[in-house]
Amino acid sequence: MADAEDTLLIELKDGVVTADLLPDVAPEHVARIKELARSGKYDNVVFHRVIDGFMAQTGDVENGNTEISYNPGRAGTGGSDLPNLPAEFSKLPFDRGVLGMARSQNPDSGNSQFFIMFDDGHFLNGQYTVFGRVTSGMEHVDAIVRGEPPANPDKMISVKVKADVE
């Protein structure tokens, strides 16, 4: 179990998802996720791509915030105003509950979007950066509305670093 500085709390409609971040595996990606969470950029951001049996994708802080900038036609096409990150591939498999960084065709294009695996997706191994894993609340992830994009998308109500709320 990670310490509070490397634990992410994602509040969804049905409850809180707790995820251990993996700074020893993907230090730049973990730093980025924590920076965006601490700045409130992930609050009210929708899950714009949710594929049953695969994953739920979120984190488009530019086009996906339901309170500020939600654009259903563009959600999933943006990132943050921070530079893209170089890939931090590892040998960790994409198992159920893993958090991975979304990217374009360019491996070094991770920015703010990420996904949570519903099921194992080992075809992603070595292709995307693993930066965390859900340790509790996976039933809340399982309850996220499906769709590409969902007609009425669920959102991350708030995302916090546990150390900041204790």
Protein backbone atom coordinates (compact mmCIF):
# COMPACT_ATOMS: atom_id res chain seq x y z
CA MET A 1 0.00 0.00 0.00
CA ALA A 2 1.37 3.40 -1.02
CA ASP A 3 1.81 6.23 1.44
CA ALA A 4 -0.68 9.12 1.43
CA GLU A 5 1.55 11.19 -0.87
CA ASP A 6 1.25 8.50 -3.54
CA THR A 7 -2.44 7.66 -3.09
CA LEU A 8 -5.12 9.13 -5.34
CA LEU A 9 -8.75 9.54 -4.25
CA ILE A 10 -11.19 9.74 -7.17
CA GLU A 11 -14.75 10.60 -6.15
CA LEU A 12 -17.35 9.12 -8.51
CA LYS A 13 -21.16 9.24 -8.31
CA ASP A 14 -21.29 5.94 -6.41
CA GLY A 15 -18.31 6.43 -4.09
CA VAL A 16 -14.57 6.94 -3.79
CA VAL A 17 -11.99 4.99 -5.77
CA THR A 18 -8.60 4.71 -4.07
CA ALA A 19 -5.55 4.14 -6.26
CA ASP A 20 -1.92 3.59 -5.35
CA LEU A 21 0.38 5.61 -7.60
CA LEU A 22 3.67 4.05 -8.70
CA PRO A 23 6.40 6.73 -8.65
CA ASP A 24 9.12 4.07 -8.77
CA VAL A 25 7.68 2.83 -12.10
CA ALA A 26 6.56 6.07 -13.78
CA PRO A 27 7.88 9.08 -11.84
CA GLU A 28 7.05 11.74 -14.45
CA HIS A 29 3.52 10.45 -15.02
CA VAL A 30 2.80 10.22 -11.28
CA ALA A 31 4.11 13.77 -10.81
CA ARG A 32 1.82 14.99 -13.62
CA ILE A 33 -1.28 13.24 -12.27
CA LYS A 34 -0.64 14.69 -8.80
CA GLU A 35 -0.01 18.18 -10.22
CA LEU A 36 -3.29 18.15 -12.15
CA ALA A 37 -5.21 16.70 -9.19
CA ARG A 38 -3.78 19.29 -6.80
CA SER A 39 -4.69 22.13 -9.15
CA GLY A 40 -8.30 20.89 -9.38
CA LYS A 41 -8.01 20.30 -13.13
CA TYR A 42 -9.51 16.79 -12.92
CA ASP A 43 -12.60 17.86 -10.92
CA ASN A 44 -15.84 17.45 -12.92
CA VAL A 45 -14.05 15.90 -15.92
CA VAL A 46 -16.10 13.28 -17.79
CA PHE A 47 -15.34 9.71 -18.78
CA HIS A 48 -15.52 10.31 -22.54
CA ARG A 49 -14.65 6.80 -23.74
CA VAL A 50 -15.95 3.83 -21.78
CA ILE A 51 -15.73 0.40 -23.40
CA ASP A 52 -17.33 -2.55 -21.61
CA GLY A 53 -14.81 -5.30 -20.86
CA PHE A 54 -11.91 -2.95 -21.60
CA MET A 55 -11.50 0.43 -19.89
CA ALA A 56 -12.90 3.84 -18.86
CA GLN A 57 -10.98 6.85 -20.19
CA THR A 58 -11.05 10.36 -18.70
CA GLY A 59 -8.77 13.30 -18.01
CA ASP A 60 -9.37 15.65 -20.96
CA VAL A 61 -9.06 18.78 -18.81
CA GLU A 62 -9.33 21.01 -21.90
CA ASN A 63 -12.64 19.71 -23.32
CA GLY A 64 -14.09 17.43 -20.66
CA ASN A 65 -14.93 19.59 -17.63
CA THR A 66 -18.70 19.68 -17.15
CA GLU A 67 -18.47 22.86 -15.07
CA ILE A 68 -16.16 24.85 -17.37
CA SER A 69 -15.42 23.49 -20.81
CA TYR A 70 -17.40 20.34 -21.56
CA ASN A 71 -17.64 19.88 -25.31
CA PRO A 72 -19.16 16.46 -26.12
CA GLY A 73 -17.94 16.62 -29.70
CA ARG A 74 -14.36 17.33 -28.67
CA ALA A 75 -14.02 15.52 -25.33
CA GLY A 76 -11.11 13.14 -25.67
CA THR A 77 -9.19 15.28 -28.16
CA GLY A 78 -7.44 17.58 -25.68
CA GLY A 79 -5.02 17.56 -22.81
CA SER A 80 -3.66 20.17 -20.45
CA ASP A 81 -1.55 23.26 -21.03
CA LEU A 82 1.49 21.31 -19.80
CA PRO A 83 3.97 19.66 -22.20
CA ASN A 84 3.55 16.04 -23.26
CA LEU A 85 5.46 13.39 -21.34
CA PRO A 86 7.96 10.85 -22.63
CA ALA A 87 6.73 7.26 -22.30
CA GLU A 88 7.73 5.38 -19.14
CA PHE A 89 7.03 1.81 -20.25
CA SER A 90 7.53 -0.98 -17.73
CA LYS A 91 7.02 -4.71 -17.38
CA LEU A 92 3.89 -4.22 -15.27
CA PRO A 93 0.90 -5.82 -17.03
CA PHE A 94 -2.38 -4.09 -17.81
CA ASP A 95 -4.53 -6.04 -15.37
CA ARG A 96 -7.99 -5.18 -14.04
CA GLY A 97 -7.78 -1.97 -11.99
CA VAL A 98 -4.56 -0.66 -13.53
CA LEU A 99 -4.31 3.06 -14.34
CA GLY A 100 -2.62 3.79 -17.65
CA MET A 101 -1.77 7.03 -19.43
CA ALA A 102 -3.65 7.63 -22.67
CA ARG A 103 -1.71 8.87 -25.70
CA SER A 104 -1.90 9.36 -29.44
CA GLN A 105 0.01 7.23 -31.95
CA ASN A 106 3.18 8.92 -30.64
CA PRO A 107 4.37 7.01 -27.53
CA ASP A 108 5.69 10.28 -26.07
CA SER A 109 2.33 12.09 -26.16
CA GLY A 110 0.87 11.32 -22.72
CA ASN A 111 -0.43 14.51 -21.12
CA SER A 112 -3.51 14.48 -18.86
CA GLN A 113 -5.82 11.73 -20.13
CA PHE A 114 -5.74 8.35 -18.46
CA PHE A 115 -7.77 5.17 -18.27
CA ILE A 116 -8.77 2.56 -15.70
CA MET A 117 -8.91 -1.06 -16.84
CA PHE A 118 -12.21 -2.96 -16.34
CA ASP A 119 -10.51 -6.24 -17.27
CA ASP A 120 -7.04 -7.49 -18.15
CA GLY A 121 -5.75 -5.98 -21.40
CA HIS A 122 -2.31 -7.51 -21.86
CA PHE A 123 -2.19 -6.43 -25.52
CA LEU A 124 -1.40 -2.96 -24.06
CA ASN A 125 1.68 -4.24 -22.18
CA GLY A 126 4.79 -2.30 -23.12
CA GLN A 127 2.74 0.07 -25.30
CA TYR A 128 1.32 2.44 -22.66
CA THR A 129 2.59 3.76 -19.33
CA VAL A 130 1.27 2.09 -16.16
CA PHE A 131 1.27 4.64 -13.32
CA GLY A 132 -1.11 3.23 -10.70
CA ARG A 133 -3.63 0.61 -9.62
CA VAL A 134 -6.99 0.70 -7.90
CA THR A 135 -6.82 -0.69 -4.36
CA SER A 136 -10.46 -0.07 -3.35
CA GLY A 137 -13.67 1.08 -4.96
CA MET A 138 -13.38 -0.91 -8.18
CA GLU A 139 -17.13 -1.53 -7.95
CA HIS A 140 -17.58 2.23 -8.50
CA VAL A 141 -15.42 2.05 -11.64
CA ASP A 142 -17.51 -0.89 -12.84
CA ALA A 143 -20.64 1.31 -12.51
CA ILE A 144 -19.38 4.02 -14.93
CA VAL A 145 -21.80 4.54 -17.84
CA ARG A 146 -20.55 2.95 -21.09
CA GLY A 147 -20.26 4.63 -24.48
CA GLU A 148 -17.88 6.27 -26.99
CA PRO A 149 -18.86 8.89 -25.91
CA PRO A 150 -21.59 8.04 -23.42
CA ALA A 151 -24.83 9.94 -24.10
CA ASN A 152 -24.94 11.03 -20.46
CA PRO A 153 -21.33 10.61 -19.23
CA ASP A 154 -20.24 10.04 -15.67
CA LYS A 155 -17.53 12.32 -14.32
CA MET A 156 -14.81 12.46 -11.73
CA ILE A 157 -16.49 14.68 -9.14
CA SER A 158 -13.16 15.34 -7.47
CA VAL A 159 -9.62 13.97 -7.60
CA LYS A 160 -7.31 14.50 -4.65
CA VAL A 161 -3.95 13.33 -3.35
CA LYS A 162 -4.71 11.60 -0.03
CA ALA A 163 -1.93 13.49 1.78
CA ASP A 164 -3.80 16.73 1.08
CA VAL A 165 -7.02 15.62 2.78
CA GLU A 166 -5.71 13.89 5.90
